[in-house]
Structures are given as structure tokens and as C-alpha cells.
């Protein structure tokens, strides 16, 4: 399940706000870590937020639910929540941060501040608070730190300098979006066929119609090779056409627009999630497929009635995160699943993943029944044991290494192991 949903707090003024002599204002972003109790909490295992913008730079906030791996002055028998903030963009900026933990009522539970630091991408990129609060206190229901859904809310604030030099963003993305479906500059055209219409009054079927979408072969070759492959490389006419009959025109428009740097509105992703997954999987538009998969997970309530259908669909479309979520559901509800689900069509390829889900469920139950000083000292599991690693973490590691993030769990683990082996071999020859 998606773990993080950052959202920006806005302010509505009644009357004229007092002017500030330094023309600065505070900007706050609230980040939700959903399902905090179930996040990996071996010491040194971190969870990172999506990047956000402050003071003209990109930042990310991360938490160690079970504490930093090498936190100073922290007893190994204790488990503390640790928080850090990191500069992700190039350049330098002087900034201080105010970080707050809110309780379920929105009140302050804990507050940390950083000094004014000259952040530099080539030197100082991170500031951390290693002992924010004991994990046991965060989980204590009587302290009301987590909301009723088990979400941990963290607010990051900083003073933004309005006098800082304004530098426009790189215009490439805007230019790419402007070229989408531009017939005047395009050299290829997709004719996307609509399904046959309903019968007319006289019983005859209405003829199929097609919608034209214009594109540029050079962009397709770099961003969507499987779409580019639909055109004959030897055909050099002024406008080459290819027919698409297995994707609806509106879905194809979303997909091609995404290739040109656009985005699909969340409401449309929710409404057409499976259609978008099907199209993106067929034509290998990986990021769009993963985005639709995440939205589908967020908008689906899994039950014993739909678990098998979702599992078979996830296996067919190579949706590793969806598969993991369904298997976690089966592991958590094994008795109900055994009594109500027919496993005749259970794919043999996911048996190993199901065993991993059961193992994770067992460990979670043991951890819930252990004290803060027992069963928490898992420093050996510091991030390189891929066998029990979550799909999202595997994908994050693959993306960090510049590797393909689409594939089964086993394929992702194999790619990471191969990458690590190549790295060791390279180091050995140096």
C-alpha cells in the first residue's frame, strides 16, 4: 500500500496580515506515514517521503521507525523513532527547519528544530534527530499519537525567503507537453479504433470509428519504444500511420499524454485503473502502470470474495505490489480464506510469495507481543537481505541503481543481486 501522502497546508487570512520586514513567510507541509505500526522497524530501515519543494529546492523527509543504525548514545535495547530531512537538489541554500509530530487531534506531541544550516549538495545534505520518541510511546494508544487509522502525522516548516533569486524551471517538460498531439510537427499518427457501436433500429451494427493521435517518432523511440516499434523503420513518408485496436481512445490519450510528460488526473486513474494498467503493461509505459496500480490499491477494499480475482489479475499483469497486497490479506485472514475461497486456480508461481507473506505476518504478530527491549534488535537486517523486503522498497532500490522497476518480486531481487555482484567485481578490479 502506498505509505506516504504529503499535502501542503494553506492559510486563509481574514483582514490584512501584518507585513514582514524581511518579506519572508513560513511554508508548512504535512506528511502522513500510514500504517506506522506495520512499517519495517529493524534498526536502520528507513522510509522516505516523496520529494517536496521549499525555498526553491527539493527535499525529502525520512523516518527510521526502529531507530538509526548507528545512532549515538542510544542503548541497543531501546527503540527510538528517528527523523531526518535531506536536500535532494543541486546547489546551496541557508535554511532552518521546524519539525513537529502531531497527535490524532492535531495538537503538538513533539517538536524538533534544526539550526540555520548552509545546505550544500556537495557537502551538507542531511540533518537528523535520532531520538525523537520511543517507538513504544508512539504506538501507545493512550498517548493518541497515531490517529484511528494508525497514521503518523509529521509537519515540516521553514521560512521561505521572498527576496531569493527567481530561476525559472527547465522548460523541457512544458515544451514536451506542448508537442503532444501536435499535427503540424508530428511525423507519425496512431489511428485508435473505437469498439463497434450498438445495433441500429434496423438491426445493423454501426461501423467502427477511429480517433487520430499525432506523435513524433524520435520521442517515442526514447520514451515509449514499444509504441515506436509499431511503425516500419523503412517507411519515411511525411506521415506514417499505425492502427491500435486493443486500447480505448480515451485510455490511449492518457497513455500517450503521459509519454509526453503529462499526468492523469487521480479521479480518472481511479475510474479507469485497470484499463490504464492493461494498456501501460502492453506497451511498457512502466511508471504509468505503477501509478495506476497504486491508485487501484488505494481505492479497492479487499475481501475474500475478490481476493482471488485480484491475485490472478496481478499475476497476469505483473503487478507485484497488488500481488503482495492480496497475499498479505490472505495471510492476515487465512482462516476465513480457507473456508471461503477455492484455490483450484491458485497460480503456482506465487506460492513462494505467499510463504513470504505468512512469514511477515508471523513476525509482525511476534513483534506486537514483544516488549520494546525484546525482539527488536534486528541490526543484521540492515537493508541488503532482499528476501523479505517489501515490493516498494525493492522498486526504490532498483530505481536508485537506474534499473528496471517493473517485474515480479523474484525478478527484482535477482536484478538487485546481479547489480551488487557486478559492483563487488568492479571494486575488486580497481
Protein backbone atom coordinates (compact mmCIF):
# COMPACT_ATOMS: atom_id res chain seq x y z
CA UNK A 1 0.00 0.00 0.00
CA UNK A 2 1.24 3.50 -0.67
CA UNK A 3 2.77 4.78 2.57
CA UNK A 4 3.01 8.50 2.09
CA UNK A 5 0.65 11.25 1.08
CA UNK A 6 2.23 14.71 1.55
CA UNK A 7 -0.10 17.65 1.42
CA UNK A 8 0.53 21.38 1.79
CA UNK A 9 -1.22 23.39 4.47
CA UNK A 10 -2.66 26.64 3.19
CA UNK A 11 -3.70 29.73 5.15
CA UNK A 12 -6.80 31.90 4.72
CA UNK A 13 -6.39 35.44 6.04
CA UNK A 14 -9.26 37.46 7.48
CA UNK A 15 -8.24 41.10 7.35
CA UNK A 16 -4.80 42.34 6.33
CA UNK A 17 -1.92 40.25 7.67
CA UNK A 18 0.96 42.20 9.23
CA UNK A 19 3.75 42.96 6.81
CA UNK A 20 7.08 41.31 7.37
CA UNK A 21 10.20 43.47 7.07
CA UNK A 22 12.21 40.59 5.63
CA UNK A 23 9.47 39.68 3.17
CA UNK A 24 9.57 36.09 4.34
CA UNK A 25 6.82 33.65 5.13
CA UNK A 26 6.59 30.20 6.64
CA UNK A 27 5.62 27.27 4.49
CA UNK A 28 4.42 24.01 6.03
CA UNK A 29 3.97 20.58 4.56
CA UNK A 30 2.24 17.75 6.40
CA UNK A 31 3.37 14.21 5.64
CA UNK A 32 1.36 11.15 6.65
CA UNK A 33 3.07 7.82 7.30
CA UNK A 34 0.14 5.42 7.03
CA UNK A 35 0.11 2.10 8.88
CA UNK A 36 3.05 3.16 11.05
CA UNK A 37 2.86 0.08 13.27
CA UNK A 38 3.42 -2.16 10.24
CA UNK A 39 6.28 -0.23 8.66
CA UNK A 40 9.65 -2.05 8.73
CA UNK A 41 11.22 -1.22 12.09
CA UNK A 42 14.52 -3.03 12.15
CA UNK A 43 17.15 -0.57 13.29
CA UNK A 44 18.48 1.31 10.25
CA UNK A 45 15.49 0.53 8.00
CA UNK A 46 14.22 3.87 6.71
CA UNK A 47 11.05 5.02 4.98
CA UNK A 48 11.37 8.05 2.69
CA UNK A 49 8.69 10.56 1.73
CA UNK A 50 8.12 11.79 -1.81
CA UNK A 51 10.13 14.90 -2.56
CA UNK A 52 8.68 18.31 -1.83
CA UNK A 53 9.69 21.88 -2.67
CA UNK A 54 10.76 24.55 -0.19
CA UNK A 55 12.96 27.61 -0.71
CA UNK A 56 13.32 26.72 -4.38
CA UNK A 57 14.93 23.35 -3.62
CA UNK A 58 13.78 19.75 -3.44
CA UNK A 59 13.77 17.96 -0.09
CA UNK A 60 12.68 14.66 1.36
CA UNK A 61 11.83 13.61 4.88
CA UNK A 62 12.57 10.14 6.14
CA UNK A 63 11.83 8.19 9.29
CA UNK A 64 13.51 5.24 10.94
CA UNK A 65 10.58 3.60 12.80
CA UNK A 66 13.05 1.48 14.78
CA UNK A 67 15.89 3.98 15.04
CA UNK A 68 19.04 4.84 13.12
CA UNK A 69 21.55 2.06 12.61
CA UNK A 70 24.47 3.96 14.18
CA UNK A 71 22.65 6.41 16.44
CA UNK A 72 24.96 7.70 19.17
CA UNK A 73 24.07 7.48 22.86
CA UNK A 74 21.11 5.20 22.07
CA UNK A 75 21.01 1.95 24.09
CA UNK A 76 20.73 -1.06 21.81
CA UNK A 77 17.90 -2.34 24.00
CA UNK A 78 15.85 0.79 23.24
CA UNK A 79 13.99 1.59 20.04
CA UNK A 80 13.51 5.24 19.16
CA UNK A 81 11.75 6.86 16.24
CA UNK A 82 14.35 8.85 14.28
CA UNK A 83 13.61 11.55 11.69
CA UNK A 84 15.84 13.20 9.13
CA UNK A 85 15.49 15.79 6.37
CA UNK A 86 17.65 15.73 3.26
CA UNK A 87 18.47 18.17 0.45
CA UNK A 88 17.88 16.43 -2.88
CA UNK A 89 18.51 19.13 -5.48
CA UNK A 90 21.75 20.70 -6.66
CA UNK A 91 23.06 23.99 -5.32
CA UNK A 92 23.15 25.59 -1.89
CA UNK A 93 20.68 27.32 0.43
CA UNK A 94 20.65 28.54 4.01
CA UNK A 95 17.60 27.23 5.83
CA UNK A 96 16.39 26.02 9.22
CA UNK A 97 13.54 23.58 9.75
CA UNK A 98 10.88 23.12 12.37
CA UNK A 99 9.56 19.54 12.55
CA UNK A 100 6.52 18.60 14.63
CA UNK A 101 4.76 15.36 15.47
CA UNK A 102 1.02 15.87 15.76
CA UNK A 103 -1.32 13.68 17.75
CA UNK A 104 -4.64 12.37 16.42
CA UNK A 105 -6.36 15.62 17.43
CA UNK A 106 -3.89 17.78 15.50
CA UNK A 107 -2.18 19.00 18.68
CA UNK A 108 1.57 19.17 19.17
CA UNK A 109 3.07 15.93 20.52
CA UNK A 110 6.76 16.59 19.93
CA UNK A 111 8.85 19.32 18.33
CA UNK A 112 12.37 19.44 16.87
CA UNK A 113 14.31 22.29 15.30
CA UNK A 114 17.43 22.43 13.20
CA UNK A 115 19.87 25.35 13.30
CA UNK A 116 20.25 27.62 10.29
CA UNK A 117 22.43 25.48 8.07
CA UNK A 118 24.16 26.33 4.81
CA UNK A 119 22.89 23.28 2.96
CA UNK A 120 25.13 22.29 0.04
CA UNK A 121 24.54 19.48 -2.42
CA UNK A 122 28.28 18.74 -2.47
CA UNK A 123 28.75 18.71 1.29
CA UNK A 124 25.95 19.11 3.86
CA UNK A 125 22.78 17.43 2.64
CA UNK A 126 21.16 15.94 5.76
CA UNK A 127 20.13 16.75 9.32
CA UNK A 128 18.70 14.14 11.67
CA UNK A 129 17.04 13.81 15.06
CA UNK A 130 18.00 10.29 16.25
CA UNK A 131 15.88 10.13 19.44
CA UNK A 132 12.55 11.77 18.67
CA UNK A 133 10.37 9.46 20.79
CA UNK A 134 10.40 5.86 21.93
CA UNK A 135 8.63 3.64 19.45
CA UNK A 136 6.58 2.17 22.28
CA UNK A 137 5.25 5.63 23.14
CA UNK A 138 4.31 6.29 19.51
CA UNK A 139 2.34 3.04 19.46
CA UNK A 140 0.77 3.57 22.89
CA UNK A 141 -2.95 4.11 22.23
CA UNK A 142 -3.30 6.04 25.47
CA UNK A 143 -0.98 8.75 24.13
CA UNK A 144 -3.06 9.26 20.96
CA UNK A 145 0.00 9.85 18.76
CA UNK A 146 -1.36 7.78 15.88
CA UNK A 147 -4.82 8.50 14.51
CA UNK A 148 -7.60 5.92 14.38
CA UNK A 149 -6.18 4.53 11.12
CA UNK A 150 -2.67 4.16 12.56
CA UNK A 151 -1.26 7.17 10.70
CA UNK A 152 1.71 9.20 11.98
CA UNK A 153 1.46 12.89 11.04
CA UNK A 154 4.63 14.99 10.72
CA UNK A 155 4.66 18.69 9.82
CA UNK A 156 7.76 20.27 8.28
CA UNK A 157 8.02 24.07 8.31
CA UNK A 158 10.61 26.55 7.10
CA UNK A 159 10.79 30.26 6.42
CA UNK A 160 10.77 30.98 2.69
CA UNK A 161 12.72 34.00 1.52
CA UNK A 162 10.69 36.03 -0.96
CA UNK A 163 13.79 38.01 -1.98
CA UNK A 164 15.67 34.95 -3.18
CA UNK A 165 16.60 34.99 -6.83
CA UNK A 166 13.88 33.55 -9.05
CA UNK A 167 15.11 30.97 -11.53
CA UNK A 168 12.52 29.51 -13.93
CA UNK A 169 12.31 25.76 -14.22
CA UNK A 170 13.82 23.95 -17.15
CA UNK A 171 11.21 24.44 -19.92
CA UNK A 172 11.71 21.00 -21.49
CA UNK A 173 8.71 19.40 -19.80
CA UNK A 174 6.45 22.28 -20.79
CA UNK A 175 7.74 22.10 -24.37
CA UNK A 176 7.19 18.34 -24.49
CA UNK A 177 3.62 18.72 -23.26
CA UNK A 178 3.05 21.37 -25.94
CA UNK A 179 4.11 18.91 -28.64
CA UNK A 180 1.54 16.31 -27.57
CA UNK A 181 -0.88 15.56 -30.42
CA UNK A 182 0.56 18.43 -32.48
CA UNK A 183 -0.25 17.53 -36.06
CA UNK A 184 1.92 20.30 -37.52
CA UNK A 185 5.20 18.89 -36.17
CA UNK A 186 4.29 15.19 -35.91
CA UNK A 187 5.64 12.55 -38.28
CA UNK A 188 3.57 9.54 -37.11
CA UNK A 189 -0.10 9.01 -36.38
CA UNK A 190 -1.97 6.44 -34.31
CA UNK A 191 -5.44 5.52 -35.54
CA UNK A 192 -7.14 4.24 -32.40
CA UNK A 193 -10.29 2.30 -33.20
CA UNK A 194 -13.40 2.55 -31.07
CA UNK A 195 -15.47 -0.54 -30.33
CA UNK A 196 -18.37 -1.34 -32.62
CA UNK A 197 -21.46 0.69 -31.82
CA UNK A 198 -24.77 -0.71 -30.69
CA UNK A 199 -27.25 -2.10 -33.18
CA UNK A 200 -29.29 0.46 -35.10
CA UNK A 201 -33.07 0.17 -35.25
CA UNK A 202 -32.84 -1.97 -38.38
CA UNK A 203 -30.50 -4.47 -36.67
CA UNK A 204 -27.28 -3.43 -38.42
CA UNK A 205 -24.20 -2.64 -36.38
CA UNK A 206 -22.71 0.78 -36.60
CA UNK A 207 -19.29 0.93 -38.23
CA UNK A 208 -16.18 1.26 -36.09
CA UNK A 209 -14.79 4.76 -35.78
CA UNK A 210 -11.20 5.77 -35.14
CA UNK A 211 -9.54 8.68 -33.39
CA UNK A 212 -6.23 10.08 -34.61
CA UNK A 213 -3.37 10.86 -32.25
CA UNK A 214 -0.27 12.53 -33.63
CA UNK A 215 3.22 11.87 -32.29
CA UNK A 216 6.93 12.18 -33.00
CA UNK A 217 8.97 9.10 -33.79
CA UNK A 218 12.09 10.43 -32.04
CA UNK A 219 10.18 10.99 -28.77
CA UNK A 220 8.56 7.56 -28.97
CA UNK A 221 11.92 5.87 -29.58
CA UNK A 222 13.30 7.37 -26.37
CA UNK A 223 10.23 7.26 -24.13
CA UNK A 224 7.96 4.51 -25.49
CA UNK A 225 9.95 2.08 -27.66
CA UNK A 226 7.09 -0.41 -27.97
CA UNK A 227 4.85 2.26 -29.45
CA UNK A 228 7.67 3.35 -31.76
CA UNK A 229 8.06 -0.27 -32.92
CA UNK A 230 4.57 -0.17 -34.45
CA UNK A 231 5.97 1.90 -37.30
CA UNK A 232 8.14 0.41 -40.02
CA UNK A 233 11.63 1.90 -39.76
CA UNK A 234 11.94 1.80 -43.54
CA UNK A 235 8.82 3.89 -44.07
CA UNK A 236 9.94 7.51 -44.35
CA UNK A 237 6.78 9.18 -45.59
CA UNK A 238 5.67 12.57 -44.28
CA UNK A 239 3.05 10.97 -42.01
CA UNK A 240 3.12 7.27 -41.15
CA UNK A 241 0.09 5.63 -39.57
CA UNK A 242 -0.40 2.64 -37.27
CA UNK A 243 -3.65 1.17 -36.04
CA UNK A 244 -4.45 0.49 -32.39
CA UNK A 245 -7.44 -1.73 -31.79
CA UNK A 246 -6.87 -3.05 -28.27
CA UNK A 247 -6.98 0.24 -26.31
CA UNK A 248 -9.89 2.65 -25.98
CA UNK A 249 -9.25 6.13 -27.42
CA UNK A 250 -9.62 7.90 -24.07
CA UNK A 251 -7.21 5.46 -22.40
CA UNK A 252 -4.72 5.82 -25.25
CA UNK A 253 -4.91 9.60 -24.91
CA UNK A 254 -3.98 9.35 -21.24
CA UNK A 255 -1.12 6.97 -22.04
CA UNK A 256 0.34 9.00 -24.91
CA UNK A 257 -0.05 12.23 -22.95
CA UNK A 258 1.91 10.61 -20.12
CA UNK A 259 4.70 9.77 -22.56
CA UNK A 260 4.88 13.50 -23.38
CA UNK A 261 5.31 14.44 -19.73
CA UNK A 262 1.67 14.84 -18.79
CA UNK A 263 -0.22 13.29 -15.89
CA UNK A 264 -3.52 11.52 -15.49
CA UNK A 265 -5.96 13.11 -13.01
CA UNK A 266 -6.39 10.95 -9.92
CA UNK A 267 -10.15 10.68 -10.48
CA UNK A 268 -9.56 9.27 -13.96
CA UNK A 269 -6.91 6.89 -12.63
CA UNK A 270 -9.41 5.60 -10.09
CA UNK A 271 -12.19 5.22 -12.66
CA UNK A 272 -10.07 3.58 -15.36
CA UNK A 273 -7.32 1.96 -13.27
CA UNK A 274 -7.48 -1.49 -14.84
CA UNK A 275 -7.83 -0.18 -18.40
CA UNK A 276 -4.77 2.02 -17.85
CA UNK A 277 -2.81 -0.84 -16.27
CA UNK A 278 -3.70 -3.10 -19.22
CA UNK A 279 -2.59 -0.54 -21.82
CA UNK A 280 0.53 0.56 -19.95
CA UNK A 281 1.54 -3.07 -19.37
CA UNK A 282 1.07 -3.98 -23.05
CA UNK A 283 3.11 -1.03 -24.32
CA UNK A 284 5.59 -0.92 -21.40
CA UNK A 285 4.80 2.54 -20.06
CA UNK A 286 6.10 1.38 -16.70
CA UNK A 287 5.70 4.44 -14.49
CA UNK A 288 2.10 4.97 -15.57
CA UNK A 289 1.35 1.32 -14.86
CA UNK A 290 2.79 1.58 -11.35
CA UNK A 291 0.93 4.82 -10.71
CA UNK A 292 -2.37 3.25 -11.76
CA UNK A 293 -1.57 0.17 -9.67
CA UNK A 294 -1.04 2.32 -6.56
CA UNK A 295 -4.30 4.20 -7.12
CA UNK A 296 -6.15 0.92 -7.65
CA UNK A 297 -4.81 -0.36 -4.33
CA UNK A 298 -5.92 2.82 -2.57
CA UNK A 299 -9.43 2.62 -3.97
CA UNK A 300 -10.04 -1.13 -3.52
CA UNK A 301 -11.31 -2.86 -0.40
CA UNK A 302 -10.00 -6.42 -0.46
CA UNK A 303 -12.32 -9.20 0.67
CA UNK A 304 -12.42 -12.98 0.44
CA UNK A 305 -14.85 -12.51 -2.46
CA UNK A 306 -12.46 -10.51 -4.64
CA UNK A 307 -9.06 -11.66 -3.37
CA UNK A 308 -8.57 -14.47 -5.90
CA UNK A 309 -9.70 -12.37 -8.87
CA UNK A 310 -7.28 -9.62 -7.86
CA UNK A 311 -4.47 -12.13 -7.34
CA UNK A 312 -4.96 -13.71 -10.78
CA UNK A 313 -5.13 -10.25 -12.36
CA UNK A 314 -1.96 -9.11 -10.56
CA UNK A 315 -0.13 -12.24 -11.67
CA UNK A 316 -1.26 -11.85 -15.29
CA UNK A 317 -0.25 -8.16 -15.48
CA UNK A 318 2.93 -8.48 -13.40
CA UNK A 319 1.62 -6.06 -10.77
CA UNK A 320 3.96 -7.02 -7.94
CA UNK A 321 2.59 -4.51 -5.42
CA UNK A 322 -1.00 -5.59 -6.00
CA UNK A 323 0.05 -9.23 -5.69
CA UNK A 324 1.88 -8.51 -2.43
CA UNK A 325 -1.16 -6.69 -1.01
CA UNK A 326 -3.54 -9.54 -1.84
CA UNK A 327 -1.17 -12.15 -0.41
CA UNK A 328 -0.79 -10.09 2.77
CA UNK A 329 -4.58 -10.02 3.01
CA UNK A 330 -4.75 -13.81 2.63
CA UNK A 331 -2.03 -14.29 5.25
CA UNK A 332 -3.81 -11.99 7.71
CA UNK A 333 -7.20 -13.64 7.05
CA UNK A 334 -6.07 -17.21 6.45
CA UNK A 335 -8.89 -18.94 8.36
CA UNK A 336 -11.61 -17.02 6.52
CA UNK A 337 -9.81 -17.54 3.21
CA UNK A 338 -9.50 -21.30 3.72
CA UNK A 339 -13.22 -21.61 4.45
CA UNK A 340 -14.49 -19.38 1.63
CA UNK A 341 -12.03 -19.38 -1.29
CA UNK A 342 -11.47 -22.07 -3.86
CA UNK A 343 -7.74 -22.39 -4.51
CA UNK A 344 -8.18 -24.56 -7.62
CA UNK A 345 -6.90 -21.74 -9.84
CA UNK A 346 -4.19 -20.57 -7.43
CA UNK A 347 -1.10 -19.88 -9.59
CA UNK A 348 1.89 -21.97 -8.58
CA UNK A 349 4.23 -19.09 -9.39
CA UNK A 350 3.05 -17.15 -6.32
CA UNK A 351 3.37 -19.91 -3.71
CA UNK A 352 6.78 -18.61 -2.61
CA UNK A 353 5.38 -15.07 -2.31
CA UNK A 354 2.53 -16.42 -0.18
CA UNK A 355 5.04 -18.08 2.16
CA UNK A 356 6.86 -14.77 2.48
CA UNK A 357 3.56 -13.05 3.32
CA UNK A 358 2.88 -15.63 6.05
CA UNK A 359 6.39 -15.13 7.42
CA UNK A 360 5.93 -11.36 7.55
CA UNK A 361 2.56 -11.79 9.27
CA UNK A 362 4.09 -14.14 11.85
CA UNK A 363 6.95 -11.74 12.58
CA UNK A 364 4.56 -8.82 12.94
CA UNK A 365 2.48 -10.75 15.47
CA UNK A 366 5.60 -11.69 17.44
CA UNK A 367 6.80 -8.08 17.43
CA UNK A 368 3.44 -6.86 18.70
CA UNK A 369 3.69 -9.24 21.66
CA UNK A 370 7.31 -8.44 22.46
CA UNK A 371 8.38 -5.62 24.74
CA UNK A 372 10.38 -2.69 23.45
CA UNK A 373 13.58 -4.37 24.57
CA UNK A 374 12.82 -7.79 23.14
CA UNK A 375 12.81 -8.97 19.57
CA UNK A 376 13.65 -5.52 18.25
CA UNK A 377 17.39 -5.81 17.88
CA UNK A 378 17.48 -6.73 14.19
CA UNK A 379 20.58 -4.83 13.19
CA UNK A 380 21.70 -7.66 10.92
CA UNK A 381 18.72 -6.97 8.69
CA UNK A 382 20.02 -3.60 7.57
CA UNK A 383 18.70 -3.41 4.07
CA UNK A 384 20.62 -5.96 1.98
CA UNK A 385 18.53 -9.04 2.81
CA UNK A 386 16.11 -8.83 -0.11
CA UNK A 387 14.13 -11.99 0.70
CA UNK A 388 11.55 -10.33 2.98
CA UNK A 389 11.85 -6.82 1.60
CA UNK A 390 8.65 -5.09 0.53
CA UNK A 391 7.95 -4.55 -3.16
CA UNK A 392 8.03 -0.76 -2.77
CA UNK A 393 11.46 -0.94 -1.15
CA UNK A 394 12.75 -3.26 -3.88
CA UNK A 395 11.48 -0.85 -6.51
CA UNK A 396 13.07 2.09 -4.72
CA UNK A 397 16.44 0.34 -4.66
CA UNK A 398 16.17 -0.63 -8.32
CA UNK A 399 15.26 2.92 -9.29
CA UNK A 400 18.20 4.25 -7.31
CA UNK A 401 20.51 1.98 -9.33
CA UNK A 402 18.92 3.00 -12.63
CA UNK A 403 17.43 -0.47 -13.17
CA UNK A 404 14.00 -1.52 -14.45
CA UNK A 405 11.41 -1.41 -11.65
CA UNK A 406 8.78 -3.46 -13.49
CA UNK A 407 8.75 -7.18 -12.90
CA UNK A 408 7.94 -9.92 -10.47
CA UNK A 409 9.33 -9.94 -6.95
CA UNK A 410 11.84 -12.67 -7.86
CA UNK A 411 12.96 -10.77 -10.98
CA UNK A 412 13.55 -7.61 -8.95
CA UNK A 413 15.55 -9.47 -6.31
CA UNK A 414 17.64 -11.18 -8.99
CA UNK A 415 18.36 -7.81 -10.67
CA UNK A 416 19.49 -6.31 -7.36
CA UNK A 417 21.71 -9.30 -6.57
CA UNK A 418 23.28 -9.15 -10.03
CA UNK A 419 23.87 -5.43 -9.64
CA UNK A 420 25.52 -5.96 -6.25
CA UNK A 421 27.70 -8.75 -7.63
CA UNK A 422 28.82 -6.56 -10.53
CA UNK A 423 29.60 -3.75 -8.10
CA UNK A 424 31.74 -6.06 -5.95
CA UNK A 425 33.52 -7.39 -9.05
CA UNK A 426 34.22 -3.85 -10.22
CA UNK A 427 35.59 -2.87 -6.80
CA UNK A 428 37.81 -5.95 -6.78
CA UNK A 429 39.43 -4.99 -10.09
CA UNK A 430 40.13 -1.40 -9.02
